[in-house]
Amino acid sequence: MTVSVLFVDDEKCVLRALERTLRDEGYITSFCSDPLDALTRIGEEAFDIVVSDFMMPNMSGVDFLALVRERRPASFRMLMTGCADSQATIRAINESAVCHYLEKPWTDAELKAALRRAATSVVAERAAKAAAPDLAAAARRFGKTTYRTSA
């Protein structure tokens, strides 16, 4: 199952590094250097995972991811930062429900592992949603029958 990822960072060299690192990982990747452009993209397309830099012009990564949360609540949100600040981390978690906080510079292994965890959650949620109608139909069929197993 293919997972789409949007990366937002005002530093184009960071976006190029991300693109090189993830080229062969099987994700559908998109890149934006401006959070306002990224919001437009999010309005047009649902991304499974959105990864944003913390400090950007026009808008902080926390504010950007909070808007992503409002517009695309099913998207997993990750924050990258070069300035490890515990207050910023707390704010990111509380205001934008960030599922992962990645410090710059990251290692390729850390980045790939964080994306794999998020992608696994995406795939699991898709499977659960796909199974929901079948489970609801089964529940209606069986009504209130209780099944017990012996110990």
Protein backbone atom coordinates (compact mmCIF):
# COMPACT_ATOMS: atom_id res chain seq x y z
CA MET A 1 0.00 0.00 0.00
CA THR A 2 1.44 3.38 -0.99
CA VAL A 3 1.83 6.14 1.59
CA SER A 4 2.04 9.82 0.63
CA VAL A 5 4.30 12.22 2.51
CA LEU A 6 4.48 16.02 2.29
CA PHE A 7 7.66 17.70 3.55
CA VAL A 8 7.62 21.42 4.36
CA ASP A 9 10.88 23.26 5.04
CA ASP A 10 12.01 26.72 3.97
CA GLU A 11 15.54 25.41 3.39
CA LYS A 12 15.59 23.93 -0.10
CA CYS A 13 18.83 22.07 0.64
CA VAL A 14 17.00 20.18 3.41
CA LEU A 15 14.20 19.27 1.01
CA ARG A 16 16.76 18.00 -1.52
CA ALA A 17 18.45 15.92 1.19
CA LEU A 18 15.10 14.42 2.18
CA GLU A 19 14.34 13.63 -1.44
CA ARG A 20 17.70 11.88 -1.91
CA THR A 21 17.36 9.94 1.34
CA LEU A 22 13.85 8.68 0.62
CA ARG A 23 14.11 8.18 -3.15
CA ASP A 24 14.08 4.38 -2.94
CA GLU A 25 11.84 3.95 0.12
CA GLY A 26 8.55 3.57 -1.77
CA TYR A 27 6.77 6.69 -0.51
CA ILE A 28 4.99 9.16 -2.76
CA THR A 29 6.85 12.31 -1.72
CA SER A 30 6.02 15.96 -2.23
CA PHE A 31 8.03 18.98 -1.14
CA CYS A 32 7.11 22.60 -0.35
CA SER A 33 9.43 25.37 0.77
CA ASP A 34 6.60 27.65 1.93
CA PRO A 35 3.98 26.67 4.51
CA LEU A 36 1.31 28.77 2.77
CA ASP A 37 1.88 26.88 -0.49
CA ALA A 38 1.78 23.64 1.49
CA LEU A 39 -1.63 24.58 2.94
CA THR A 40 -2.90 25.07 -0.59
CA ARG A 41 -1.60 21.62 -1.53
CA ILE A 42 -3.24 20.11 1.55
CA GLY A 43 -6.53 21.68 0.50
CA GLU A 44 -6.24 19.96 -2.87
CA GLU A 45 -4.77 16.62 -1.81
CA ALA A 46 -4.85 14.46 1.30
CA PHE A 47 -1.39 13.41 2.48
CA ASP A 48 -0.97 10.47 4.82
CA ILE A 49 2.00 12.04 6.60
CA VAL A 50 2.96 15.71 6.84
CA VAL A 51 6.47 16.58 8.05
CA SER A 52 7.24 20.22 8.82
CA ASP A 53 10.23 22.24 9.92
CA PHE A 54 9.72 24.14 13.17
CA MET A 55 11.14 27.56 12.27
CA MET A 56 9.98 28.97 8.94
CA PRO A 57 9.10 32.41 7.63
CA ASN A 58 5.38 33.27 7.43
CA MET A 59 4.36 30.61 9.93
CA SER A 60 5.90 28.33 12.56
CA GLY A 61 5.82 24.60 12.05
CA VAL A 62 3.58 24.21 15.10
CA ASP A 63 1.04 26.70 13.70
CA PHE A 64 1.24 25.04 10.30
CA LEU A 65 0.68 21.55 11.73
CA ALA A 66 -2.21 22.83 13.85
CA LEU A 67 -3.87 23.99 10.60
CA VAL A 68 -3.10 20.62 9.02
CA ARG A 69 -4.79 18.99 12.01
CA GLU A 70 -7.92 21.09 11.43
CA ARG A 71 -8.04 20.54 7.66
CA ARG A 72 -6.78 16.96 7.42
CA PRO A 73 -7.17 15.36 10.85
CA ALA A 74 -6.30 11.89 9.53
CA SER A 75 -2.82 13.01 8.44
CA PHE A 76 0.01 12.01 10.75
CA ARG A 77 2.01 15.06 11.72
CA MET A 78 5.75 15.18 12.37
CA LEU A 79 7.90 18.15 13.36
CA MET A 80 11.60 18.63 12.54
CA THR A 81 13.68 21.18 14.35
CA GLY A 82 17.25 22.32 14.72
CA CYS A 83 16.50 23.96 18.06
CA ALA A 84 15.55 21.45 20.73
CA ASP A 85 13.33 23.45 23.06
CA SER A 86 11.21 21.59 25.60
CA GLN A 87 8.49 24.28 25.57
CA ALA A 88 8.27 24.07 21.78
CA THR A 89 8.01 20.30 22.01
CA ILE A 90 5.17 20.52 24.52
CA ARG A 91 3.38 23.13 22.41
CA ALA A 92 3.79 21.00 19.28
CA ILE A 93 2.30 17.98 20.99
CA ASN A 94 -0.57 19.88 22.60
CA GLU A 95 -1.56 22.18 19.75
CA SER A 96 -0.95 20.13 16.66
CA ALA A 97 -0.98 16.54 17.96
CA VAL A 98 2.46 15.81 16.54
CA CYS A 99 3.09 12.07 16.44
CA HIS A 100 6.86 12.42 16.20
CA TYR A 101 9.46 15.09 16.91
CA LEU A 102 12.67 14.77 14.91
CA GLU A 103 15.78 16.81 15.73
CA LYS A 104 18.02 18.24 13.03
CA PRO A 105 20.43 17.05 12.00
CA TRP A 106 18.75 13.67 11.88
CA THR A 107 20.36 10.46 10.79
CA ASP A 108 18.92 8.65 7.79
CA ALA A 109 18.10 5.71 10.06
CA GLU A 110 16.14 7.95 12.49
CA LEU A 111 14.19 9.56 9.67
CA LYS A 112 13.38 6.27 7.98
CA ALA A 113 12.36 4.65 11.27
CA ALA A 114 10.04 7.55 12.16
CA LEU A 115 8.41 7.43 8.73
CA ARG A 116 8.08 3.63 8.91
CA ARG A 117 6.25 3.91 12.26
CA ALA A 118 3.90 6.55 10.87
CA ALA A 119 3.36 4.59 7.64
CA THR A 120 2.57 1.44 9.63
CA SER A 121 -0.09 3.39 11.53
CA VAL A 122 -1.50 4.77 8.28
CA VAL A 123 -1.79 1.29 6.77
CA ALA A 124 -3.35 -0.10 9.97
CA GLU A 125 -5.93 2.70 10.03
CA ARG A 126 -6.79 2.07 6.39
CA ALA A 127 -7.28 -1.63 7.12
CA ALA A 128 -9.48 -0.87 10.12
CA LYS A 129 -11.64 1.52 8.08
CA ALA A 130 -11.95 -1.04 5.29
CA ALA A 131 -12.98 -3.73 7.79
CA ALA A 132 -15.48 -1.53 9.65
CA PRO A 133 -18.44 -2.11 7.28
CA ASP A 134 -17.89 -5.88 7.45
CA LEU A 135 -17.69 -5.79 11.23
CA ALA A 136 -20.85 -3.68 11.45
CA ALA A 137 -22.70 -6.09 9.15
CA ALA A 138 -21.53 -9.06 11.21
CA ALA A 139 -22.67 -7.36 14.41
CA ARG A 140 -26.13 -6.76 12.91
CA ARG A 141 -26.32 -10.38 11.74
CA PHE A 142 -25.43 -11.80 15.10
CA GLY A 143 -27.54 -9.28 17.00
CA LYS A 144 -27.13 -9.56 20.70
CA THR A 145 -25.96 -13.16 20.74
CA THR A 146 -23.25 -13.74 23.30
CA TYR A 147 -20.65 -16.39 22.71
CA ARG A 148 -18.74 -17.88 25.59
CA THR A 149 -15.74 -20.08 25.56
CA SER A 150 -14.88 -22.50 28.33
CA ALA A 151 -11.82 -21.78 30.37
